[in-house]
Structure formats: structure tokens, C-alpha cells
Amino acid sequence: MGSLSKRMQQALEAVSNVSIEQQDLLAAELMERLRLLEQPQTRLSPEERVELEVGLAAAQRGEFASDAEVEAMYAKHGL
């Protein structure tokens, strides 16, 4: 195993002071984070970025699809 940063060493020392169950939970979370970091980054087109920003702005304003709109979308796609 390679060398660990001081911060990682401190984190592992702190983890050693919690229960085995909590250690296992933290280990699973760390492994998931590592898996995500190893995946290539998704690149959005300029159009996709605009669409995402519009959707996020609507969500921040509390604007969400109605139940009827969601049901229509599911029906359209056979879900």
C-alpha cells in the first residue's frame, strides 16, 4: 500500500475508535466514493448545460411537475 496523507492517517485513527459496524459502514461509503472518482467525468453539451440550469432554477423556485404530468410521462414511455 502506498503512503497516506496526514489527514487520511488522522481519519483512519478516528475510525478505529468507533464500533465495527460503524467502521464497516464507513468503509462501504469510502469504497463507493472511490468507485465514483474512478469513473470518467460526464461532459455536458452547451444545450444540456442550459437545460440543466433551467431545471435547477425551477426546482429552487419550488416549481415541480404535477402528479398528472409525471403520470403522463410514465404513460408515454410505457412505465
PDB file of N, CA and C in Angstrom:
ATOM      1  N   MET A   1       0.854  -1.185   0.000  1.00  0.00           N
ATOM      2  CA  MET A   1       0.000   0.000   0.000  1.00  0.00           C
ATOM      3  C   MET A   1       0.890   1.236   0.000  1.00  0.00           C
ATOM      4  N   GLY A   2       0.486   2.259  -0.744  1.00  0.00           N
ATOM      5  CA  GLY A   2       1.249   3.495  -0.808  1.00  0.00           C
ATOM      6  C   GLY A   2       1.146   4.283   0.478  1.00  0.00           C
ATOM      7  N   SER A   3       1.848   5.398   0.514  1.00  0.00           N
ATOM      8  CA  SER A   3       1.820   6.226   1.716  1.00  0.00           C
ATOM      9  C   SER A   3       0.494   6.981   1.804  1.00  0.00           C
ATOM     10  N   LEU A   4       0.103   7.308   3.015  1.00  0.00           N
ATOM     11  CA  LEU A   4      -1.149   8.024   3.258  1.00  0.00           C
ATOM     12  C   LEU A   4      -0.833   9.445   3.701  1.00  0.00           C
ATOM     13  N   SER A   5      -1.705  10.368   3.310  1.00  0.00           N
ATOM     14  CA  SER A   5      -1.549  11.744   3.766  1.00  0.00           C
ATOM     15  C   SER A   5      -1.802  11.812   5.269  1.00  0.00           C
ATOM     16  N   LYS A   6      -1.320  12.861   5.888  1.00  0.00           N
ATOM     17  CA  LYS A   6      -1.528  13.038   7.325  1.00  0.00           C
ATOM     18  C   LYS A   6      -3.021  13.092   7.639  1.00  0.00           C
ATOM     19  N   ARG A   7      -3.766  13.754   6.794  1.00  0.00           N
ATOM     20  CA  ARG A   7      -5.206  13.876   7.015  1.00  0.00           C
ATOM     21  C   ARG A   7      -5.887  12.507   6.957  1.00  0.00           C
ATOM     22  N   MET A   8      -5.475  11.649   5.994  1.00  0.00           N
ATOM     23  CA  MET A   8      -6.055  10.316   5.893  1.00  0.00           C
ATOM     24  C   MET A   8      -5.655   9.484   7.109  1.00  0.00           C
ATOM     25  N   GLN A   9      -4.424   9.617   7.552  1.00  0.00           N
ATOM     26  CA  GLN A   9      -3.985   8.897   8.750  1.00  0.00           C
ATOM     27  C   GLN A   9      -4.833   9.290   9.960  1.00  0.00           C
ATOM     28  N   GLN A  10      -5.121  10.597  10.088  1.00  0.00           N
ATOM     29  CA  GLN A  10      -5.955  11.078  11.191  1.00  0.00           C
ATOM     30  C   GLN A  10      -7.369  10.509  11.084  1.00  0.00           C
ATOM     31  N   ALA A  11      -7.896  10.458   9.866  1.00  0.00           N
ATOM     32  CA  ALA A  11      -9.248   9.922   9.665  1.00  0.00           C
ATOM     33  C   ALA A  11      -9.294   8.448  10.048  1.00  0.00           C
ATOM     34  N   LEU A  12      -8.291   7.688   9.636  1.00  0.00           N
ATOM     35  CA  LEU A  12      -8.270   6.266   9.956  1.00  0.00           C
ATOM     36  C   LEU A  12      -8.103   6.038  11.453  1.00  0.00           C
ATOM     37  N   GLU A  13      -7.338   6.874  12.094  1.00  0.00           N
ATOM     38  CA  GLU A  13      -7.189   6.777  13.550  1.00  0.00           C
ATOM     39  C   GLU A  13      -8.541   7.025  14.220  1.00  0.00           C
ATOM     40  N   ALA A  14      -9.269   8.032  13.752  1.00  0.00           N
ATOM     41  CA  ALA A  14     -10.584   8.333  14.323  1.00  0.00           C
ATOM     42  C   ALA A  14     -11.554   7.184  14.074  1.00  0.00           C
ATOM     43  N   VAL A  15     -11.489   6.574  12.892  1.00  0.00           N
ATOM     44  CA  VAL A  15     -12.372   5.459  12.564  1.00  0.00           C
ATOM     45  C   VAL A  15     -12.098   4.271  13.469  1.00  0.00           C
ATOM     46  N   SER A  16     -10.858   4.099  13.864  1.00  0.00           N
ATOM     47  CA  SER A  16     -10.522   2.950  14.716  1.00  0.00           C
ATOM     48  C   SER A  16     -11.173   3.045  16.093  1.00  0.00           C
ATOM     49  N   ASN A  17     -11.721   4.193  16.428  1.00  0.00           N
ATOM     50  CA  ASN A  17     -12.342   4.397  17.734  1.00  0.00           C
ATOM     51  C   ASN A  17     -13.853   4.192  17.730  1.00  0.00           C
ATOM     52  N   VAL A  18     -14.428   3.825  16.571  1.00  0.00           N
ATOM     53  CA  VAL A  18     -15.872   3.586  16.515  1.00  0.00           C
ATOM     54  C   VAL A  18     -16.126   2.084  16.417  1.00  0.00           C
ATOM     55  N   SER A  19     -17.376   1.697  16.547  1.00  0.00           N
ATOM     56  CA  SER A  19     -17.724   0.274  16.534  1.00  0.00           C
ATOM     57  C   SER A  19     -17.398  -0.364  15.186  1.00  0.00           C
ATOM     58  N   ILE A  20     -17.278  -1.686  15.193  1.00  0.00           N
ATOM     59  CA  ILE A  20     -17.007  -2.439  13.970  1.00  0.00           C
ATOM     60  C   ILE A  20     -18.107  -2.189  12.938  1.00  0.00           C
ATOM     61  N   GLU A  21     -19.358  -2.127  13.382  1.00  0.00           N
ATOM     62  CA  GLU A  21     -20.474  -1.883  12.469  1.00  0.00           C
ATOM     63  C   GLU A  21     -20.324  -0.526  11.780  1.00  0.00           C
ATOM     64  N   GLN A  22     -19.950   0.492  12.574  1.00  0.00           N
ATOM     65  CA  GLN A  22     -19.761   1.822  12.003  1.00  0.00           C
ATOM     66  C   GLN A  22     -18.542   1.837  11.079  1.00  0.00           C
ATOM     67  N   GLN A  23     -17.500   1.093  11.438  1.00  0.00           N
ATOM     68  CA  GLN A  23     -16.324   1.008  10.566  1.00  0.00           C
ATOM     69  C   GLN A  23     -16.701   0.408   9.224  1.00  0.00           C
ATOM     70  N   ASP A  24     -17.503  -0.660   9.248  1.00  0.00           N
ATOM     71  CA  ASP A  24     -17.929  -1.299   8.003  1.00  0.00           C
ATOM     72  C   ASP A  24     -18.758  -0.345   7.152  1.00  0.00           C
ATOM     73  N   LEU A  25     -19.631   0.427   7.790  1.00  0.00           N
ATOM     74  CA  LEU A  25     -20.442   1.399   7.068  1.00  0.00           C
ATOM     75  C   LEU A  25     -19.547   2.462   6.422  1.00  0.00           C
ATOM     76  N   LEU A  26     -18.595   2.982   7.192  1.00  0.00           N
ATOM     77  CA  LEU A  26     -17.676   3.985   6.655  1.00  0.00           C
ATOM     78  C   LEU A  26     -16.819   3.416   5.525  1.00  0.00           C
ATOM     79  N   ALA A  27     -16.384   2.176   5.665  1.00  0.00           N
ATOM     80  CA  ALA A  27     -15.586   1.537   4.619  1.00  0.00           C
ATOM     81  C   ALA A  27     -16.394   1.413   3.333  1.00  0.00           C
ATOM     82  N   ALA A  28     -17.659   1.029   3.437  1.00  0.00           N
ATOM     83  CA  ALA A  28     -18.515   0.902   2.259  1.00  0.00           C
ATOM     84  C   ALA A  28     -18.706   2.260   1.588  1.00  0.00           C
ATOM     85  N   GLU A  29     -18.891   3.305   2.382  1.00  0.00           N
ATOM     86  CA  GLU A  29     -19.064   4.645   1.825  1.00  0.00           C
ATOM     87  C   GLU A  29     -17.790   5.112   1.127  1.00  0.00           C
ATOM     88  N   LEU A  30     -16.649   4.837   1.725  1.00  0.00           N
ATOM     89  CA  LEU A  30     -15.377   5.225   1.124  1.00  0.00           C
ATOM     90  C   LEU A  30     -15.155   4.481  -0.192  1.00  0.00           C
ATOM     91  N   MET A  31     -15.452   3.194  -0.215  1.00  0.00           N
ATOM     92  CA  MET A  31     -15.280   2.416  -1.440  1.00  0.00           C
ATOM     93  C   MET A  31     -16.200   2.924  -2.551  1.00  0.00           C
ATOM     94  N   GLU A  32     -17.403   3.330  -2.204  1.00  0.00           N
ATOM     95  CA  GLU A  32     -18.320   3.885  -3.200  1.00  0.00           C
ATOM     96  C   GLU A  32     -17.777   5.199  -3.747  1.00  0.00           C
ATOM     97  N   ARG A  33     -17.249   6.053  -2.866  1.00  0.00           N
ATOM     98  CA  ARG A  33     -16.652   7.317  -3.313  1.00  0.00           C
ATOM     99  C   ARG A  33     -15.480   7.067  -4.248  1.00  0.00           C
ATOM    100  N   LEU A  34     -14.647   6.092  -3.920  1.00  0.00           N
ATOM    101  CA  LEU A  34     -13.513   5.757  -4.778  1.00  0.00           C
ATOM    102  C   LEU A  34     -13.988   5.270  -6.142  1.00  0.00           C
ATOM    103  N   ARG A  35     -15.036   4.447  -6.143  1.00  0.00           N
ATOM    104  CA  ARG A  35     -15.586   3.953  -7.406  1.00  0.00           C
ATOM    105  C   ARG A  35     -16.064   5.120  -8.273  1.00  0.00           C
ATOM    106  N   LEU A  36     -16.740   6.079  -7.655  1.00  0.00           N
ATOM    107  CA  LEU A  36     -17.237   7.233  -8.401  1.00  0.00           C
ATOM    108  C   LEU A  36     -16.097   8.103  -8.920  1.00  0.00           C
ATOM    109  N   LEU A  37     -15.039   8.249  -8.134  1.00  0.00           N
ATOM    110  CA  LEU A  37     -13.895   9.056  -8.562  1.00  0.00           C
ATOM    111  C   LEU A  37     -13.167   8.435  -9.750  1.00  0.00           C
ATOM    112  N   GLU A  38     -13.235   7.121  -9.865  1.00  0.00           N
ATOM    113  CA  GLU A  38     -12.537   6.430 -10.942  1.00  0.00           C
ATOM    114  C   GLU A  38     -13.301   6.468 -12.262  1.00  0.00           C
ATOM    115  N   GLN A  39     -14.571   6.846 -12.233  1.00  0.00           N
ATOM    116  CA  GLN A  39     -15.369   6.910 -13.456  1.00  0.00           C
ATOM    117  C   GLN A  39     -15.016   8.182 -14.224  1.00  0.00           C
ATOM    118  N   PRO A  40     -15.039   8.108 -15.551  1.00  0.00           N
ATOM    119  CA  PRO A  40     -14.768   9.319 -16.331  1.00  0.00           C
ATOM    120  C   PRO A  40     -15.847  10.361 -16.082  1.00  0.00           C
ATOM    121  N   GLN A  41     -15.447  11.608 -16.096  1.00  0.00           N
ATOM    122  CA  GLN A  41     -16.397  12.691 -15.887  1.00  0.00           C
ATOM    123  C   GLN A  41     -17.330  12.806 -17.085  1.00  0.00           C
ATOM    124  N   THR A  42     -18.577  13.136 -16.796  1.00  0.00           N
ATOM    125  CA  THR A  42     -19.562  13.357 -17.849  1.00  0.00           C
ATOM    126  C   THR A  42     -19.419  14.782 -18.356  1.00  0.00           C
ATOM    127  N   ARG A  43     -19.354  14.919 -19.653  1.00  0.00           N
ATOM    128  CA  ARG A  43     -19.269  16.243 -20.273  1.00  0.00           C
ATOM    129  C   ARG A  43     -20.638  16.595 -20.847  1.00  0.00           C
ATOM    130  N   LEU A  44     -21.147  17.737 -20.447  1.00  0.00           N
ATOM    131  CA  LEU A  44     -22.430  18.199 -20.961  1.00  0.00           C
ATOM    132  C   LEU A  44     -22.202  19.099 -22.160  1.00  0.00           C
ATOM    133  N   SER A  45     -23.091  18.986 -23.142  1.00  0.00           N
ATOM    134  CA  SER A  45     -23.063  19.921 -24.264  1.00  0.00           C
ATOM    135  C   SER A  45     -23.578  21.262 -23.746  1.00  0.00           C
ATOM    136  N   PRO A  46     -23.314  22.340 -24.473  1.00  0.00           N
ATOM    137  CA  PRO A  46     -23.851  23.643 -24.037  1.00  0.00           C
ATOM    138  C   PRO A  46     -25.375  23.614 -23.886  1.00  0.00           C
ATOM    139  N   GLU A  47     -26.058  22.889 -24.776  1.00  0.00           N
ATOM    140  CA  GLU A  47     -27.522  22.804 -24.703  1.00  0.00           C
ATOM    141  C   GLU A  47     -27.959  22.032 -23.458  1.00  0.00           C
ATOM    142  N   GLU A  48     -27.264  20.946 -23.157  1.00  0.00           N
ATOM    143  CA  GLU A  48     -27.583  20.155 -21.967  1.00  0.00           C
ATOM    144  C   GLU A  48     -27.344  20.968 -20.699  1.00  0.00           C
ATOM    145  N   ARG A  49     -26.272  21.748 -20.689  1.00  0.00           N
ATOM    146  CA  ARG A  49     -25.964  22.581 -19.524  1.00  0.00           C
ATOM    147  C   ARG A  49     -27.071  23.606 -19.294  1.00  0.00           C
ATOM    148  N   VAL A  50     -27.536  24.245 -20.353  1.00  0.00           N
ATOM    149  CA  VAL A  50     -28.622  25.234 -20.237  1.00  0.00           C
ATOM    150  C   VAL A  50     -29.880  24.558 -19.711  1.00  0.00           C
ATOM    151  N   GLU A  51     -30.201  23.385 -20.272  1.00  0.00           N
ATOM    152  CA  GLU A  51     -31.394  22.657 -19.832  1.00  0.00           C
ATOM    153  C   GLU A  51     -31.301  22.296 -18.345  1.00  0.00           C
ATOM    154  N   LEU A  52     -30.135  21.857 -17.917  1.00  0.00           N
ATOM    155  CA  LEU A  52     -29.928  21.518 -16.510  1.00  0.00           C
ATOM    156  C   LEU A  52     -30.071  22.752 -15.622  1.00  0.00           C
ATOM    157  N   GLU A  53     -29.471  23.866 -16.034  1.00  0.00           N
ATOM    158  CA  GLU A  53     -29.553  25.092 -15.242  1.00  0.00           C
ATOM    159  C   GLU A  53     -30.990  25.597 -15.140  1.00  0.00           C
ATOM    160  N   VAL A  54     -31.754  25.485 -16.227  1.00  0.00           N
ATOM    161  CA  VAL A  54     -33.164  25.894 -16.211  1.00  0.00           C
ATOM    162  C   VAL A  54     -33.934  25.020 -15.214  1.00  0.00           C
ATOM    163  N   GLY A  55     -33.694  23.708 -15.261  1.00  0.00           N
ATOM    164  CA  GLY A  55     -34.372  22.796 -14.343  1.00  0.00           C
ATOM    165  C   GLY A  55     -34.012  23.050 -12.891  1.00  0.00           C
ATOM    166  N   LEU A  56     -32.733  23.302 -12.623  1.00  0.00           N
ATOM    167  CA  LEU A  56     -32.310  23.585 -11.248  1.00  0.00           C
ATOM    168  C   LEU A  56     -32.921  24.884 -10.734  1.00  0.00           C
ATOM    169  N   ALA A  57     -32.971  25.894 -11.595  1.00  0.00           N
ATOM    170  CA  ALA A  57     -33.578  27.170 -11.193  1.00  0.00           C
ATOM    171  C   ALA A  57     -35.053  26.981 -10.867  1.00  0.00           C
ATOM    172  N   ALA A  58     -35.754  26.185 -11.676  1.00  0.00           N
ATOM    173  CA  ALA A  58     -37.175  25.919 -11.410  1.00  0.00           C
ATOM    174  C   ALA A  58     -37.335  25.191 -10.081  1.00  0.00           C
ATOM    175  N   ALA A  59     -36.471  24.224  -9.809  1.00  0.00           N
ATOM    176  CA  ALA A  59     -36.538  23.489  -8.549  1.00  0.00           C
ATOM    177  C   ALA A  59     -36.288  24.412  -7.363  1.00  0.00           C
ATOM    178  N   GLN A  60     -35.335  25.336  -7.515  1.00  0.00           N
ATOM    179  CA  GLN A  60     -35.060  26.278  -6.430  1.00  0.00           C
ATOM    180  C   GLN A  60     -36.250  27.190  -6.159  1.00  0.00           C
ATOM    181  N   ARG A  61     -37.056  27.431  -7.189  1.00  0.00           N
ATOM    182  CA  ARG A  61     -38.273  28.239  -7.011  1.00  0.00           C
ATOM    183  C   ARG A  61     -39.439  27.397  -6.514  1.00  0.00           C
ATOM    184  N   GLY A  62     -39.204  26.092  -6.360  1.00  0.00           N
ATOM    185  CA  GLY A  62     -40.263  25.206  -5.887  1.00  0.00           C
ATOM    186  C   GLY A  62     -41.207  24.759  -6.979  1.00  0.00           C
ATOM    187  N   GLU A  63     -40.789  24.889  -8.223  1.00  0.00           N
ATOM    188  CA  GLU A  63     -41.620  24.512  -9.362  1.00  0.00           C
ATOM    189  C   GLU A  63     -41.293  23.079  -9.766  1.00  0.00           C
ATOM    190  N   PHE A  64     -42.234  22.179  -9.539  1.00  0.00           N
ATOM    191  CA  PHE A  64     -42.045  20.777  -9.867  1.00  0.00           C
ATOM    192  C   PHE A  64     -43.194  20.294 -10.728  1.00  0.00           C
ATOM    193  N   ALA A  65     -42.986  19.190 -11.426  1.00  0.00           N
ATOM    194  CA  ALA A  65     -44.039  18.607 -12.254  1.00  0.00           C
ATOM    195  C   ALA A  65     -45.193  18.164 -11.359  1.00  0.00           C
ATOM    196  N   SER A  66     -46.399  18.330 -11.866  1.00  0.00           N
ATOM    197  CA  SER A  66     -47.581  17.878 -11.127  1.00  0.00           C
ATOM    198  C   SER A  66     -47.657  16.358 -11.210  1.00  0.00           C
ATOM    199  N   ASP A  67     -48.491  15.773 -10.371  1.00  0.00           N
ATOM    200  CA  ASP A  67     -48.687  14.321 -10.417  1.00  0.00           C
ATOM    201  C   ASP A  67     -49.198  13.901 -11.794  1.00  0.00           C
ATOM    202  N   ALA A  68     -50.089  14.699 -12.368  1.00  0.00           N
ATOM    203  CA  ALA A  68     -50.647  14.381 -13.687  1.00  0.00           C
ATOM    204  C   ALA A  68     -49.558  14.402 -14.758  1.00  0.00           C
ATOM    205  N   GLU A  69     -48.651  15.373 -14.680  1.00  0.00           N
ATOM    206  CA  GLU A  69     -47.547  15.452 -15.652  1.00  0.00           C
ATOM    207  C   GLU A  69     -46.613  14.254 -15.522  1.00  0.00           C
ATOM    208  N   VAL A  70     -46.352  13.843 -14.304  1.00  0.00           N
ATOM    209  CA  VAL A  70     -45.493  12.677 -14.075  1.00  0.00           C
ATOM    210  C   VAL A  70     -46.174  11.418 -14.618  1.00  0.00           C
ATOM    211  N   GLU A  71     -47.455  11.256 -14.329  1.00  0.00           N
ATOM    212  CA  GLU A  71     -48.194  10.098 -14.824  1.00  0.00           C
ATOM    213  C   GLU A  71     -48.215  10.077 -16.351  1.00  0.00           C
ATOM    214  N   ALA A  72     -48.371  11.232 -16.981  1.00  0.00           N
ATOM    215  CA  ALA A  72     -48.370  11.317 -18.447  1.00  0.00           C
ATOM    216  C   ALA A  72     -47.022  10.919 -19.021  1.00  0.00           C
ATOM    217  N   MET A  73     -45.959  11.319 -18.382  1.00  0.00           N
ATOM    218  CA  MET A  73     -44.616  10.957 -18.832  1.00  0.00           C
ATOM    219  C   MET A  73     -44.398   9.456 -18.714  1.00  0.00           C
ATOM    220  N   TYR A  74     -44.839   8.877 -17.591  1.00  0.00           N
ATOM    221  CA  TYR A  74     -44.722   7.424 -17.413  1.00  0.00           C
ATOM    222  C   TYR A  74     -45.541   6.700 -18.495  1.00  0.00           C
ATOM    223  N   ALA A  75     -46.746   7.165 -18.756  1.00  0.00           N
ATOM    224  CA  ALA A  75     -47.607   6.533 -19.760  1.00  0.00           C
ATOM    225  C   ALA A  75     -46.969   6.630 -21.148  1.00  0.00           C
ATOM    226  N   LYS A  76     -46.390   7.766 -21.448  1.00  0.00           N
ATOM    227  CA  LYS A  76     -45.746   7.980 -22.747  1.00  0.00           C
ATOM    228  C   LYS A  76     -44.632   6.959 -22.985  1.00  0.00           C
ATOM    229  N   HIS A  77     -43.909   6.619 -21.925  1.00  0.00           N
ATOM    230  CA  HIS A  77     -42.771   5.702 -22.034  1.00  0.00           C
ATOM    231  C   HIS A  77     -43.116   4.273 -21.611  1.00  0.00           C
ATOM    232  N   GLY A  78     -44.414   4.011 -21.414  1.00  0.00           N
ATOM    233  CA  GLY A  78     -44.848   2.668 -21.099  1.00  0.00           C
ATOM    234  C   GLY A  78     -44.425   2.172 -19.726  1.00  0.00           C
ATOM    235  N   LEU A  79     -44.318   3.080 -18.796  1.00  0.00           N
ATOM    236  CA  LEU A  79     -43.898   2.706 -17.434  1.00  0.00           C
ATOM    237  C   LEU A  79     -45.072   2.699 -16.472  1.00  0.00           C
TER     238      LEU A  79
END
